[in-house]
Amino acid sequence: MAYRLVLTAEKEQSVLVLFENGVERARRDWGESRDMGRRAFESIEEVLREAGIGPEAVMSFQVISELPDSSTSRRIAETVASVYTFGVQSTAGEEASEKEAA
């Protein structure tokens, strides 16, 4: 199964959607406030749990936004995507190294 996270950050609302082979599997929406990072990470956890998958099953994480590059919400959304991707890749690399060592 190919899973993909898409975080859309707009001026009034943000939406996180988990797609499975191009079909929406889970979704979280929240209004704009000063807690984008917390809400994004909580929403990631919720959609993964709803789909019954772990972080390593997500093949890509895309941010869509028409907000200016200087927008705090956009920068936080892009940082969340980068941190998530880095964390999953780092964990996968560590697991592969452990298997090779065994």
C-alpha atoms as a PDB file:
ATOM      1  CA  MET A   1       0.000   0.000   0.000  1.00  0.00           C
ATOM      2  CA  ALA A   2       1.251   3.479  -0.854  1.00  0.00           C
ATOM      3  CA  TYR A   3       0.319   6.085   1.737  1.00  0.00           C
ATOM      4  CA  ARG A   4       0.834   9.836   1.363  1.00  0.00           C
ATOM      5  CA  LEU A   5       0.210  12.730   3.749  1.00  0.00           C
ATOM      6  CA  VAL A   6      -0.873  16.098   2.347  1.00  0.00           C
ATOM      7  CA  LEU A   7      -1.002  19.142   4.617  1.00  0.00           C
ATOM      8  CA  THR A   8      -2.814  22.147   3.152  1.00  0.00           C
ATOM      9  CA  ALA A   9      -2.118  25.375   5.057  1.00  0.00           C
ATOM     10  CA  GLU A  10      -4.328  28.327   4.224  1.00  0.00           C
ATOM     11  CA  LYS A  11      -5.110  31.639   5.882  1.00  0.00           C
ATOM     12  CA  GLU A  12      -8.282  30.521   7.691  1.00  0.00           C
ATOM     13  CA  GLN A  13      -7.941  26.738   7.901  1.00  0.00           C
ATOM     14  CA  SER A  14      -5.504  23.846   7.651  1.00  0.00           C
ATOM     15  CA  VAL A  15      -6.257  20.312   6.509  1.00  0.00           C
ATOM     16  CA  LEU A  16      -4.225  17.103   6.835  1.00  0.00           C
ATOM     17  CA  VAL A  17      -5.272  14.211   4.599  1.00  0.00           C
ATOM     18  CA  LEU A  18      -3.896  10.665   4.498  1.00  0.00           C
ATOM     19  CA  PHE A  19      -4.219   9.092   1.058  1.00  0.00           C
ATOM     20  CA  GLU A  20      -3.939   5.378   0.344  1.00  0.00           C
ATOM     21  CA  ASN A  21      -3.211   4.706  -3.332  1.00  0.00           C
ATOM     22  CA  GLY A  22      -4.731   8.091  -4.210  1.00  0.00           C
ATOM     23  CA  VAL A  23      -7.928   7.575  -2.179  1.00  0.00           C
ATOM     24  CA  GLU A  24      -8.614   9.692   0.917  1.00  0.00           C
ATOM     25  CA  ARG A  25      -8.376   7.413   3.952  1.00  0.00           C
ATOM     26  CA  ALA A  26      -8.425   9.874   6.891  1.00  0.00           C
ATOM     27  CA  ARG A  27      -8.676  13.644   7.344  1.00  0.00           C
ATOM     28  CA  ARG A  28      -8.333  16.303  10.036  1.00  0.00           C
ATOM     29  CA  ASP A  29      -9.290  19.981   9.679  1.00  0.00           C
ATOM     30  CA  TRP A  30      -8.610  22.841  12.085  1.00  0.00           C
ATOM     31  CA  GLY A  31      -9.085  26.581  12.092  1.00  0.00           C
ATOM     32  CA  GLU A  32      -6.149  28.950  12.014  1.00  0.00           C
ATOM     33  CA  SER A  33      -4.694  29.688  15.427  1.00  0.00           C
ATOM     34  CA  ARG A  34      -1.299  29.931  17.031  1.00  0.00           C
ATOM     35  CA  ASP A  35      -0.811  26.187  17.463  1.00  0.00           C
ATOM     36  CA  MET A  36      -0.096  24.922  13.926  1.00  0.00           C
ATOM     37  CA  GLY A  37       2.814  22.690  14.959  1.00  0.00           C
ATOM     38  CA  ARG A  38       0.945  21.004  17.794  1.00  0.00           C
ATOM     39  CA  ARG A  39      -2.217  20.554  15.747  1.00  0.00           C
ATOM     40  CA  ALA A  40      -0.295  19.162  12.773  1.00  0.00           C
ATOM     41  CA  PHE A  41       1.594  16.559  14.853  1.00  0.00           C
ATOM     42  CA  GLU A  42      -1.581  15.578  16.741  1.00  0.00           C
ATOM     43  CA  SER A  43      -3.421  15.213  13.446  1.00  0.00           C
ATOM     44  CA  ILE A  44      -0.656  13.031  12.008  1.00  0.00           C
ATOM     45  CA  GLU A  45      -0.914  10.722  14.991  1.00  0.00           C
ATOM     46  CA  GLU A  46      -4.719  10.596  14.710  1.00  0.00           C
ATOM     47  CA  VAL A  47      -4.872   9.809  10.970  1.00  0.00           C
ATOM     48  CA  LEU A  48      -2.199   7.114  11.271  1.00  0.00           C
ATOM     49  CA  ARG A  49      -4.068   5.519  14.175  1.00  0.00           C
ATOM     50  CA  GLU A  50      -7.380   5.723  12.274  1.00  0.00           C
ATOM     51  CA  ALA A  51      -5.792   3.978   9.269  1.00  0.00           C
ATOM     52  CA  GLY A  52      -4.080   1.410  11.496  1.00  0.00           C
ATOM     53  CA  ILE A  53      -0.607   2.090  10.112  1.00  0.00           C
ATOM     54  CA  GLY A  54       2.727   3.223  11.477  1.00  0.00           C
ATOM     55  CA  PRO A  55       4.786   6.220  10.359  1.00  0.00           C
ATOM     56  CA  GLU A  56       7.057   4.067   8.202  1.00  0.00           C
ATOM     57  CA  ALA A  57       4.109   3.227   5.890  1.00  0.00           C
ATOM     58  CA  VAL A  58       3.912   6.851   4.682  1.00  0.00           C
ATOM     59  CA  MET A  59       5.946   7.224   1.494  1.00  0.00           C
ATOM     60  CA  SER A  60       5.680  11.012   1.140  1.00  0.00           C
ATOM     61  CA  PHE A  61       4.531  14.143   2.936  1.00  0.00           C
ATOM     62  CA  GLN A  62       3.507  17.129   0.816  1.00  0.00           C
ATOM     63  CA  VAL A  63       2.670  20.667   1.910  1.00  0.00           C
ATOM     64  CA  ILE A  64       0.312  22.726  -0.239  1.00  0.00           C
ATOM     65  CA  SER A  65      -0.138  26.421   0.465  1.00  0.00           C
ATOM     66  CA  GLU A  66      -0.803  29.636  -1.353  1.00  0.00           C
ATOM     67  CA  LEU A  67       0.383  31.592   1.684  1.00  0.00           C
ATOM     68  CA  PRO A  68       3.504  33.701   1.168  1.00  0.00           C
ATOM     69  CA  ASP A  69       6.864  32.106   1.970  1.00  0.00           C
ATOM     70  CA  SER A  70       7.149  34.486   4.930  1.00  0.00           C
ATOM     71  CA  SER A  71       3.927  33.162   6.500  1.00  0.00           C
ATOM     72  CA  THR A  72       4.538  31.553   9.895  1.00  0.00           C
ATOM     73  CA  SER A  73       1.861  28.901   9.288  1.00  0.00           C
ATOM     74  CA  ARG A  74       3.439  27.924   5.993  1.00  0.00           C
ATOM     75  CA  ARG A  75       6.926  27.729   7.500  1.00  0.00           C
ATOM     76  CA  ILE A  76       5.666  25.632  10.409  1.00  0.00           C
ATOM     77  CA  ALA A  77       3.810  23.286   8.021  1.00  0.00           C
ATOM     78  CA  GLU A  78       6.961  22.822   5.934  1.00  0.00           C
ATOM     79  CA  THR A  79       9.037  22.230   9.071  1.00  0.00           C
ATOM     80  CA  VAL A  80       6.558  19.626  10.347  1.00  0.00           C
ATOM     81  CA  ALA A  81       6.766  17.790   7.006  1.00  0.00           C
ATOM     82  CA  SER A  82      10.582  17.912   7.040  1.00  0.00           C
ATOM     83  CA  VAL A  83      10.871  16.749  10.641  1.00  0.00           C
ATOM     84  CA  TYR A  84       8.383  13.926  10.077  1.00  0.00           C
ATOM     85  CA  THR A  85      10.175  12.745   6.916  1.00  0.00           C
ATOM     86  CA  PHE A  86      13.589  12.955   8.584  1.00  0.00           C
ATOM     87  CA  GLY A  87      12.364  11.042  11.640  1.00  0.00           C
ATOM     88  CA  VAL A  88      10.833   8.248   9.583  1.00  0.00           C
ATOM     89  CA  GLN A  89      13.891   7.949   7.326  1.00  0.00           C
ATOM     90  CA  SER A  90      16.258   7.970  10.314  1.00  0.00           C
ATOM     91  CA  THR A  91      14.273   5.244  12.060  1.00  0.00           C
ATOM     92  CA  ALA A  92      14.151   3.132   8.883  1.00  0.00           C
ATOM     93  CA  GLY A  93      17.931   3.544   8.458  1.00  0.00           C
ATOM     94  CA  GLU A  94      18.581   2.512  12.057  1.00  0.00           C
ATOM     95  CA  GLU A  95      16.383  -0.581  11.679  1.00  0.00           C
ATOM     96  CA  ALA A  96      18.200  -1.574   8.483  1.00  0.00           C
ATOM     97  CA  SER A  97      21.583  -1.158  10.215  1.00  0.00           C
ATOM     98  CA  GLU A  98      20.440  -3.274  13.148  1.00  0.00           C
ATOM     99  CA  LYS A  99      19.302  -6.053  10.782  1.00  0.00           C
ATOM    100  CA  GLU A 100      22.624  -5.977   8.947  1.00  0.00           C
ATOM    101  CA  ALA A 101      24.542  -6.208  12.214  1.00  0.00           C
ATOM    102  CA  ALA A 102      22.511  -9.214  13.385  1.00  0.00           C
END
